C-alpha atoms as a PDB file:
ATOM      1  CA  MET A   1      60.477  20.262 -20.401  1.00  0.00           C
ATOM      2  CA  ILE A   2      60.480  18.917 -16.504  1.00  0.00           C
ATOM      3  CA  PHE A   3      57.565  18.409 -14.561  1.00  0.00           C
ATOM      4  CA  SER A   4      57.035  19.788 -11.146  1.00  0.00           C
ATOM      5  CA  LYS A   5      55.959  16.688  -8.156  1.00  0.00           C
ATOM      6  CA  SER A   6      52.829  17.121  -8.409  1.00  0.00           C
ATOM      7  CA  PHE A   7      52.058  16.304 -11.586  1.00  0.00           C
ATOM      8  CA  GLY A   8      54.178  12.994 -11.248  1.00  0.00           C
ATOM      9  CA  TYR A   9      52.480  11.673  -8.161  1.00  0.00           C
ATOM     10  CA  ALA A  10      49.004  12.671 -10.206  1.00  0.00           C
ATOM     11  CA  LEU A  11      49.877  10.694 -12.823  1.00  0.00           C
ATOM     12  CA  ARG A  12      51.335   7.651 -10.526  1.00  0.00           C
ATOM     13  CA  SER A  13      48.260   8.113  -8.443  1.00  0.00           C
ATOM     14  CA  VAL A  14      45.653   7.526 -10.994  1.00  0.00           C
ATOM     15  CA  LEU A  15      48.020   4.743 -13.076  1.00  0.00           C
ATOM     16  CA  TYR A  16      48.317   2.682 -10.013  1.00  0.00           C
ATOM     17  CA  ILE A  17      44.618   2.575  -9.049  1.00  0.00           C
ATOM     18  CA  SER A  18      43.412   2.276 -12.820  1.00  0.00           C
ATOM     19  CA  MET A  19      45.804  -0.655 -12.762  1.00  0.00           C
ATOM     20  CA  ILE A  20      45.130  -2.662  -9.449  1.00  0.00           C
ATOM     21  CA  ARG A  21      40.800  -1.831 -10.341  1.00  0.00           C
ATOM     22  CA  ASP A  22      40.445  -5.606 -10.687  1.00  0.00           C
ATOM     23  CA  THR A  23      41.920  -6.355  -7.313  1.00  0.00           C
ATOM     24  CA  LYS A  24      40.602  -3.478  -5.120  1.00  0.00           C
ATOM     25  CA  THR A  25      37.593  -0.981  -6.479  1.00  0.00           C
ATOM     26  CA  LYS A  26      38.619   1.882  -3.432  1.00  0.00           C
ATOM     27  CA  VAL A  27      42.868   2.236  -2.595  1.00  0.00           C
ATOM     28  CA  GLN A  28      43.267   4.540   0.452  1.00  0.00           C
ATOM     29  CA  LEU A  29      46.058   6.852   0.424  1.00  0.00           C
ATOM     30  CA  ASP A  30      47.965   5.373   3.002  1.00  0.00           C
ATOM     31  CA  GLU A  31      48.733   2.394   0.671  1.00  0.00           C
ATOM     32  CA  ILE A  32      49.021   4.893  -2.205  1.00  0.00           C
ATOM     33  CA  ALA A  33      51.801   7.054  -0.255  1.00  0.00           C
ATOM     34  CA  GLU A  34      53.422   3.968   0.728  1.00  0.00           C
ATOM     35  CA  GLN A  35      53.766   2.352  -2.854  1.00  0.00           C
ATOM     36  CA  LEU A  36      54.916   5.416  -4.723  1.00  0.00           C
ATOM     37  CA  ILE A  37      56.957   6.250  -2.065  1.00  0.00           C
ATOM     38  CA  VAL A  38      56.257   9.727  -1.756  1.00  0.00           C
ATOM     39  CA  PRO A  39      54.653  12.443   1.078  1.00  0.00           C
ATOM     40  CA  ARG A  40      51.135  10.963   2.542  1.00  0.00           C
ATOM     41  CA  HIS A  41      50.438  14.442   3.180  1.00  0.00           C
ATOM     42  CA  PHE A  42      51.549  16.483  -0.452  1.00  0.00           C
ATOM     43  CA  LEU A  43      49.685  13.384  -2.163  1.00  0.00           C
ATOM     44  CA  GLY A  44      46.429  14.245  -0.352  1.00  0.00           C
ATOM     45  CA  LYS A  45      46.391  17.419  -1.360  1.00  0.00           C
ATOM     46  CA  VAL A  46      47.342  16.049  -5.515  1.00  0.00           C
ATOM     47  CA  MET A  47      44.536  13.325  -4.587  1.00  0.00           C
ATOM     48  CA  LYS A  48      41.634  16.172  -3.918  1.00  0.00           C
ATOM     49  CA  LYS A  49      42.343  17.874  -6.827  1.00  0.00           C
ATOM     50  CA  LEU A  50      41.819  14.710  -8.680  1.00  0.00           C
ATOM     51  CA  VAL A  51      38.663  14.066  -6.955  1.00  0.00           C
ATOM     52  CA  LYS A  52      37.383  17.500  -7.751  1.00  0.00           C
ATOM     53  CA  ASP A  53      38.140  17.647 -10.922  1.00  0.00           C
ATOM     54  CA  GLY A  54      36.482  14.494 -11.927  1.00  0.00           C
ATOM     55  CA  VAL A  55      39.517  12.518 -12.504  1.00  0.00           C
ATOM     56  CA  LEU A  56      38.967  10.037  -9.469  1.00  0.00           C
ATOM     57  CA  ASN A  57      35.948   9.067  -7.113  1.00  0.00           C
ATOM     58  CA  SER A  58      36.720   9.213  -3.171  1.00  0.00           C
ATOM     59  CA  MET A  59      34.601   8.258  -0.469  1.00  0.00           C
ATOM     60  CA  ARG A  60      35.552   9.025   3.489  1.00  0.00           C
ATOM     61  CA  GLY A  61      35.558   5.856   6.028  1.00  0.00           C
ATOM     62  CA  PRO A  62      37.213   2.930   7.551  1.00  0.00           C
ATOM     63  CA  PHE A  63      35.833   1.346   3.828  1.00  0.00           C
ATOM     64  CA  GLY A  64      36.641   4.238   2.019  1.00  0.00           C
ATOM     65  CA  GLY A  65      39.133   5.442  -0.406  1.00  0.00           C
ATOM     66  CA  PHE A  66      39.886   6.259  -4.091  1.00  0.00           C
ATOM     67  CA  SER A  67      38.606   4.674  -7.102  1.00  0.00           C
ATOM     68  CA  ILE A  68      38.481   5.407 -11.087  1.00  0.00           C
ATOM     69  CA  ASN A  69      35.293   6.421 -12.664  1.00  0.00           C
ATOM     70  CA  ALA A  70      34.156   6.586 -16.286  1.00  0.00           C
ATOM     71  CA  ARG A  71      36.082   9.447 -17.090  1.00  0.00           C
ATOM     72  CA  THR A  72      39.592   8.496 -15.801  1.00  0.00           C
ATOM     73  CA  LEU A  73      40.680   6.242 -18.547  1.00  0.00           C
ATOM     74  CA  GLU A  74      39.760   8.812 -21.209  1.00  0.00           C
ATOM     75  CA  LYS A  75      41.560  11.898 -19.173  1.00  0.00           C
ATOM     76  CA  THR A  76      44.564  12.905 -21.044  1.00  0.00           C
ATOM     77  CA  LEU A  77      48.018  13.711 -19.639  1.00  0.00           C
ATOM     78  CA  PHE A  78      47.610  17.522 -20.649  1.00  0.00           C
ATOM     79  CA  GLU A  79      44.493  17.585 -18.492  1.00  0.00           C
ATOM     80  CA  LEU A  80      46.595  16.227 -15.728  1.00  0.00           C
ATOM     81  CA  ILE A  81      48.685  19.018 -16.141  1.00  0.00           C
ATOM     82  CA  GLU A  82      46.242  21.770 -16.076  1.00  0.00           C
ATOM     83  CA  ILE A  83      44.809  19.760 -12.935  1.00  0.00           C
ATOM     84  CA  THR A  84      48.162  20.573 -11.370  1.00  0.00           C
ATOM     85  CA  GLY A  85      48.858  24.381 -12.317  1.00  0.00           C
ATOM     86  CA  GLU A  86      51.940  23.503 -15.401  1.00  0.00           C
ATOM     87  CA  VAL A  87      50.537  25.166 -17.955  1.00  0.00           C
ATOM     88  CA  GLU A  88      52.440  27.882 -17.933  1.00  0.00           C
ATOM     89  CA  GLU A  89      55.281  25.715 -18.132  1.00  0.00           C
ATOM     90  CA  PHE A  90      54.774  26.116 -22.285  1.00  0.00           C
ATOM     91  CA  GLY A  91      54.807  29.255 -22.283  1.00  0.00           C
ATOM     92  CA  LYS A  92      58.578  29.623 -20.324  1.00  0.00           C
ATOM     93  CA  CYS A  93      60.860  30.432 -22.566  1.00  0.00           C
ATOM     94  CA  VAL A  94      63.711  27.344 -22.295  1.00  0.00           C
ATOM     95  CA  LEU A  95      67.199  29.780 -21.760  1.00  0.00           C
ATOM     96  CA  SER A  96      65.118  31.414 -18.666  1.00  0.00           C
ATOM     97  CA  LEU A  97      64.933  35.000 -20.391  1.00  0.00           C
ATOM     98  CA  LYS A  98      62.392  37.346 -19.475  1.00  0.00           C
ATOM     99  CA  LYS A  99      61.372  38.644 -22.640  1.00  0.00           C
ATOM    100  CA  CYS A 100      61.463  35.632 -24.759  1.00  0.00           C
ATOM    101  CA  ASN A 101      58.184  35.741 -27.157  1.00  0.00           C
ATOM    102  CA  SER A 102      57.584  35.818 -31.214  1.00  0.00           C
ATOM    103  CA  LYS A 103      58.022  38.979 -31.592  1.00  0.00           C
ATOM    104  CA  ASN A 104      61.387  38.891 -28.915  1.00  0.00           C
ATOM    105  CA  PRO A 105      62.654  35.354 -29.582  1.00  0.00           C
ATOM    106  CA  CYS A 106      65.822  34.160 -27.731  1.00  0.00           C
ATOM    107  CA  PRO A 107      67.940  31.914 -30.045  1.00  0.00           C
ATOM    108  CA  ILE A 108      66.284  28.863 -29.851  1.00  0.00           C
ATOM    109  CA  HIS A 109      62.911  30.053 -29.243  1.00  0.00           C
ATOM    110  CA  HIS A 110      61.701  29.407 -32.760  1.00  0.00           C
ATOM    111  CA  GLN A 111      63.009  25.764 -33.179  1.00  0.00           C
ATOM    112  CA  ILE A 112      61.708  25.219 -29.101  1.00  0.00           C
ATOM    113  CA  ASP A 113      58.318  26.194 -30.485  1.00  0.00           C
ATOM    114  CA  GLY A 114      58.012  23.359 -32.910  1.00  0.00           C
ATOM    115  CA  LEU A 115      58.848  20.992 -30.333  1.00  0.00           C
ATOM    116  CA  ARG A 116      56.412  22.577 -28.233  1.00  0.00           C
ATOM    117  CA  LYS A 117      53.912  22.108 -30.375  1.00  0.00           C
ATOM    118  CA  LYS A 118      54.534  18.496 -30.900  1.00  0.00           C
ATOM    119  CA  TRP A 119      55.166  17.999 -27.089  1.00  0.00           C
ATOM    120  CA  HIS A 120      51.579  19.641 -26.457  1.00  0.00           C
ATOM    121  CA  HIS A 121      50.166  17.614 -29.314  1.00  0.00           C
ATOM    122  CA  LEU A 122      51.487  14.056 -27.493  1.00  0.00           C
ATOM    123  CA  LEU A 123      50.207  15.257 -23.988  1.00  0.00           C
ATOM    124  CA  SER A 124      46.729  16.295 -25.155  1.00  0.00           C
ATOM    125  CA  THR A 125      46.110  12.775 -27.409  1.00  0.00           C
ATOM    126  CA  THR A 126      47.640  10.556 -24.966  1.00  0.00           C
ATOM    127  CA  THR A 127      45.195   9.134 -22.351  1.00  0.00           C
ATOM    128  CA  ILE A 128      45.328   7.422 -19.265  1.00  0.00           C
ATOM    129  CA  GLY A 129      43.609   4.564 -20.974  1.00  0.00           C
ATOM    130  CA  ASP A 130      46.000   4.242 -23.315  1.00  0.00           C
ATOM    131  CA  LEU A 131      49.316   4.025 -21.181  1.00  0.00           C
ATOM    132  CA  ILE A 132      47.900   1.285 -18.974  1.00  0.00           C
ATOM    133  CA  ASN A 133      46.757  -0.619 -22.258  1.00  0.00           C
ATOM    134  CA  LYS A 134      50.015  -1.677 -23.238  1.00  0.00           C
ATOM    135  CA  ASP A 135      50.605  -5.129 -22.834  1.00  0.00           C
ATOM    136  CA  GLN A 136      53.450  -4.352 -19.992  1.00  0.00           C
ATOM    137  CA  PRO A 137      53.797  -6.715 -17.082  1.00  0.00           C
ATOM    138  CA  ASP A 138      56.387  -4.650 -15.159  1.00  0.00           C
ATOM    139  CA  PHE A 139      54.579  -1.836 -15.889  1.00  0.00           C
ATOM    140  CA  ILE A 140      53.305  -1.427 -11.849  1.00  0.00           C
ATOM    141  CA  LYS A 141      56.539  -2.133 -10.857  1.00  0.00           C
ATOM    142  CA  SER A 142      57.718   0.875 -12.276  1.00  0.00           C
ATOM    143  CA  ILE A 143      55.477   3.324 -10.751  1.00  0.00           C
ATOM    144  CA  THR A 144      55.485   1.624  -7.619  1.00  0.00           C
ATOM    145  CA  ALA A 145      58.117   0.862  -4.810  1.00  0.00           C
ATOM    146  CA  ILE A 146      57.332  -2.778  -5.227  1.00  0.00           C
END
């Protein structure tokens, strides 16, 4: 499964804000877009969804920006997938056949179904906090332009 840009931007944004929370409590959209090298306008739409669904907080104004909240680090990767609207991707045929399902399987449906269940479990049990609590000093470099 390949994730959409929306999911990638959402995940990278939340990770970035979470990782610099000790030095900055609020991060403005322009900084996030610049550091992640993503289109500001598109990122703004993604960030709006994250705020609406309680992943992040936001405050308007010159001293405003986005910040994490008590629930941010507990959010799972699957919850971000739901927010960005990609849940239906889990049910699609990997061979792109239109009528593939358990009653009318494609040639690799049953093998993929087992992998899909493992993938779903991994995404449902891995939180934002799990990703940033690892001792990886270069991790922030892997999600930003710096």
